[in-house]
């Protein structure tokens, strides 16, 4: 009867163990590649946040443009016809250089408020910190 039983060692013999010549170096390379992947994910998250901000700004611009157009048409409806003919608009190119320069300085001085980082971005950063700590311990 002992010959009829399946050999327990034969079932476990399907597993193969392979020796790694330099396990520390292999581990370091894996951690470095993980770090680079996490950095790419961080950049992607920042890109997504910028894209979302851009979409919000464009939608706000669109609503403001509609509102200005509506207010302009209401104003034209309220003004008498004779007054409209007498109004002369200044051409857009008639700004002085000083005004133009100050306008550019104001625009460049504006800072977009930073958004609170997304939870997914925080997770990626914590994973990156863990991997960098492991790399420091290996070195």
Protein backbone atom coordinates (compact mmCIF):
# COMPACT_ATOMS: atom_id res chain seq x y z
CA UNK A 1 0.00 0.00 0.00
CA UNK A 2 2.86 2.32 0.57
CA UNK A 3 3.67 2.15 -3.14
CA UNK A 4 0.12 3.17 -4.14
CA UNK A 5 0.25 6.53 -2.28
CA UNK A 6 1.32 9.54 -4.31
CA UNK A 7 4.67 10.80 -3.19
CA UNK A 8 4.30 14.05 -1.18
CA UNK A 9 7.73 15.20 -2.31
CA UNK A 10 6.80 14.72 -5.96
CA UNK A 11 3.89 17.19 -5.67
CA UNK A 12 6.17 19.81 -4.13
CA UNK A 13 9.01 19.17 -6.56
CA UNK A 14 7.34 21.37 -9.20
CA UNK A 15 8.76 24.39 -7.41
CA UNK A 16 12.13 25.57 -8.60
CA UNK A 17 14.53 27.69 -6.64
CA UNK A 18 17.02 29.78 -8.52
CA UNK A 19 20.05 31.34 -6.92
CA UNK A 20 20.56 35.03 -7.51
CA UNK A 21 24.18 35.96 -7.89
CA UNK A 22 23.94 39.49 -6.41
CA UNK A 23 20.62 39.89 -4.54
CA UNK A 24 21.50 43.29 -3.05
CA UNK A 25 22.23 44.79 -6.47
CA UNK A 26 19.06 43.27 -7.95
CA UNK A 27 17.01 44.65 -5.08
CA UNK A 28 18.62 48.08 -5.55
CA UNK A 29 17.77 48.07 -9.27
CA UNK A 30 14.16 47.07 -8.57
CA UNK A 31 13.80 49.83 -5.98
CA UNK A 32 15.33 52.40 -8.32
CA UNK A 33 12.94 51.45 -11.10
CA UNK A 34 10.04 51.67 -8.63
CA UNK A 35 11.26 55.12 -7.64
CA UNK A 36 11.35 56.28 -11.26
CA UNK A 37 7.84 54.91 -11.85
CA UNK A 38 6.56 56.76 -8.80
CA UNK A 39 8.18 59.99 -9.99
CA UNK A 40 6.43 59.57 -13.33
CA UNK A 41 3.14 59.05 -11.51
CA UNK A 42 3.77 62.23 -9.51
CA UNK A 43 4.36 64.18 -12.72
CA UNK A 44 1.19 62.71 -14.20
CA UNK A 45 -0.84 63.72 -11.13
CA UNK A 46 0.50 67.28 -11.39
CA UNK A 47 -0.38 67.25 -15.09
CA UNK A 48 -3.93 66.12 -14.31
CA UNK A 49 -4.31 68.90 -11.71
CA UNK A 50 -3.07 71.50 -14.19
CA UNK A 51 -5.42 70.18 -16.85
CA UNK A 52 -8.35 70.38 -14.43
CA UNK A 53 -7.40 73.95 -13.46
CA UNK A 54 -7.22 74.86 -17.13
CA UNK A 55 -10.67 73.43 -17.80
CA UNK A 56 -12.10 75.33 -14.82
CA UNK A 57 -10.50 78.57 -15.99
CA UNK A 58 -11.81 78.12 -19.52
CA UNK A 59 -15.33 77.43 -18.27
CA UNK A 60 -15.11 80.53 -16.07
CA UNK A 61 -13.85 82.54 -19.05
CA UNK A 62 -16.74 81.26 -21.13
CA UNK A 63 -19.33 82.26 -18.53
CA UNK A 64 -17.74 85.69 -18.09
CA UNK A 65 -17.72 86.21 -21.85
CA UNK A 66 -21.40 85.31 -22.05
CA UNK A 67 -22.17 87.65 -19.17
CA UNK A 68 -20.24 90.52 -20.78
CA UNK A 69 -22.00 89.95 -24.11
CA UNK A 70 -25.36 89.93 -22.37
CA UNK A 71 -24.57 93.11 -20.42
CA UNK A 72 -23.31 94.79 -23.60
CA UNK A 73 -26.51 93.99 -25.47
CA UNK A 74 -28.60 95.25 -22.52
CA UNK A 75 -26.57 98.46 -22.42
CA UNK A 76 -27.03 99.00 -26.14
CA UNK A 77 -30.77 98.48 -25.66
CA UNK A 78 -30.92 101.07 -22.87
CA UNK A 79 -28.85 103.78 -24.58
CA UNK A 80 -30.57 106.07 -27.05
CA UNK A 81 -29.67 105.54 -30.71
CA UNK A 82 -28.18 109.01 -31.10
CA UNK A 83 -25.82 108.47 -28.16
CA UNK A 84 -24.48 105.28 -29.69
CA UNK A 85 -23.48 107.12 -32.85
CA UNK A 86 -21.59 109.76 -30.87
CA UNK A 87 -19.62 107.27 -28.79
CA UNK A 88 -16.17 106.68 -30.18
CA UNK A 89 -14.19 103.70 -29.06
CA UNK A 90 -10.43 103.94 -28.63
CA UNK A 91 -8.56 101.50 -30.83
CA UNK A 92 -7.05 98.59 -28.93
CA UNK A 93 -3.52 99.36 -30.17
CA UNK A 94 -3.44 102.91 -28.73
CA UNK A 95 -2.15 101.96 -25.29
CA UNK A 96 1.00 103.67 -24.21
CA UNK A 97 4.12 101.62 -23.66
CA UNK A 98 4.11 102.34 -19.93
CA UNK A 99 0.61 100.97 -19.53
CA UNK A 100 1.53 97.92 -21.56
CA UNK A 101 4.65 97.32 -19.49
CA UNK A 102 2.80 97.66 -16.18
CA UNK A 103 0.07 95.31 -17.41
CA UNK A 104 2.67 92.68 -18.31
CA UNK A 105 4.34 93.05 -14.90
CA UNK A 106 1.02 92.56 -13.14
CA UNK A 107 0.25 89.47 -15.20
CA UNK A 108 3.65 87.93 -14.57
CA UNK A 109 3.41 88.73 -10.85
CA UNK A 110 0.17 86.81 -10.42
CA UNK A 111 0.57 83.47 -8.77
CA UNK A 112 -1.94 80.70 -9.16
CA UNK A 113 -2.89 79.42 -5.71
CA UNK A 114 -1.57 75.96 -5.14
CA UNK A 115 -4.18 73.27 -4.76
CA UNK A 116 -4.17 70.75 -1.96
CA UNK A 117 -2.43 67.67 -3.34
CA UNK A 118 -4.72 64.81 -4.18
CA UNK A 119 -4.74 61.83 -1.87
CA UNK A 120 -3.42 59.65 -4.68
CA UNK A 121 -0.46 61.98 -5.08
CA UNK A 122 0.22 61.82 -1.34
CA UNK A 123 0.19 58.02 -1.51
CA UNK A 124 2.69 58.05 -4.35
CA UNK A 125 4.96 60.44 -2.46
CA UNK A 126 4.87 58.27 0.67
CA UNK A 127 5.72 55.19 -1.41
CA UNK A 128 8.58 57.09 -3.01
CA UNK A 129 9.90 58.11 0.41
CA UNK A 130 9.77 54.50 1.60
CA UNK A 131 11.69 53.26 -1.43
CA UNK A 132 14.33 55.98 -1.08
CA UNK A 133 14.76 55.05 2.60
CA UNK A 134 15.27 51.39 1.63
CA UNK A 135 17.84 52.45 -0.97
CA UNK A 136 19.72 54.46 1.66
CA UNK A 137 19.81 51.44 3.96
CA UNK A 138 21.23 49.25 1.14
CA UNK A 139 23.98 51.74 0.26
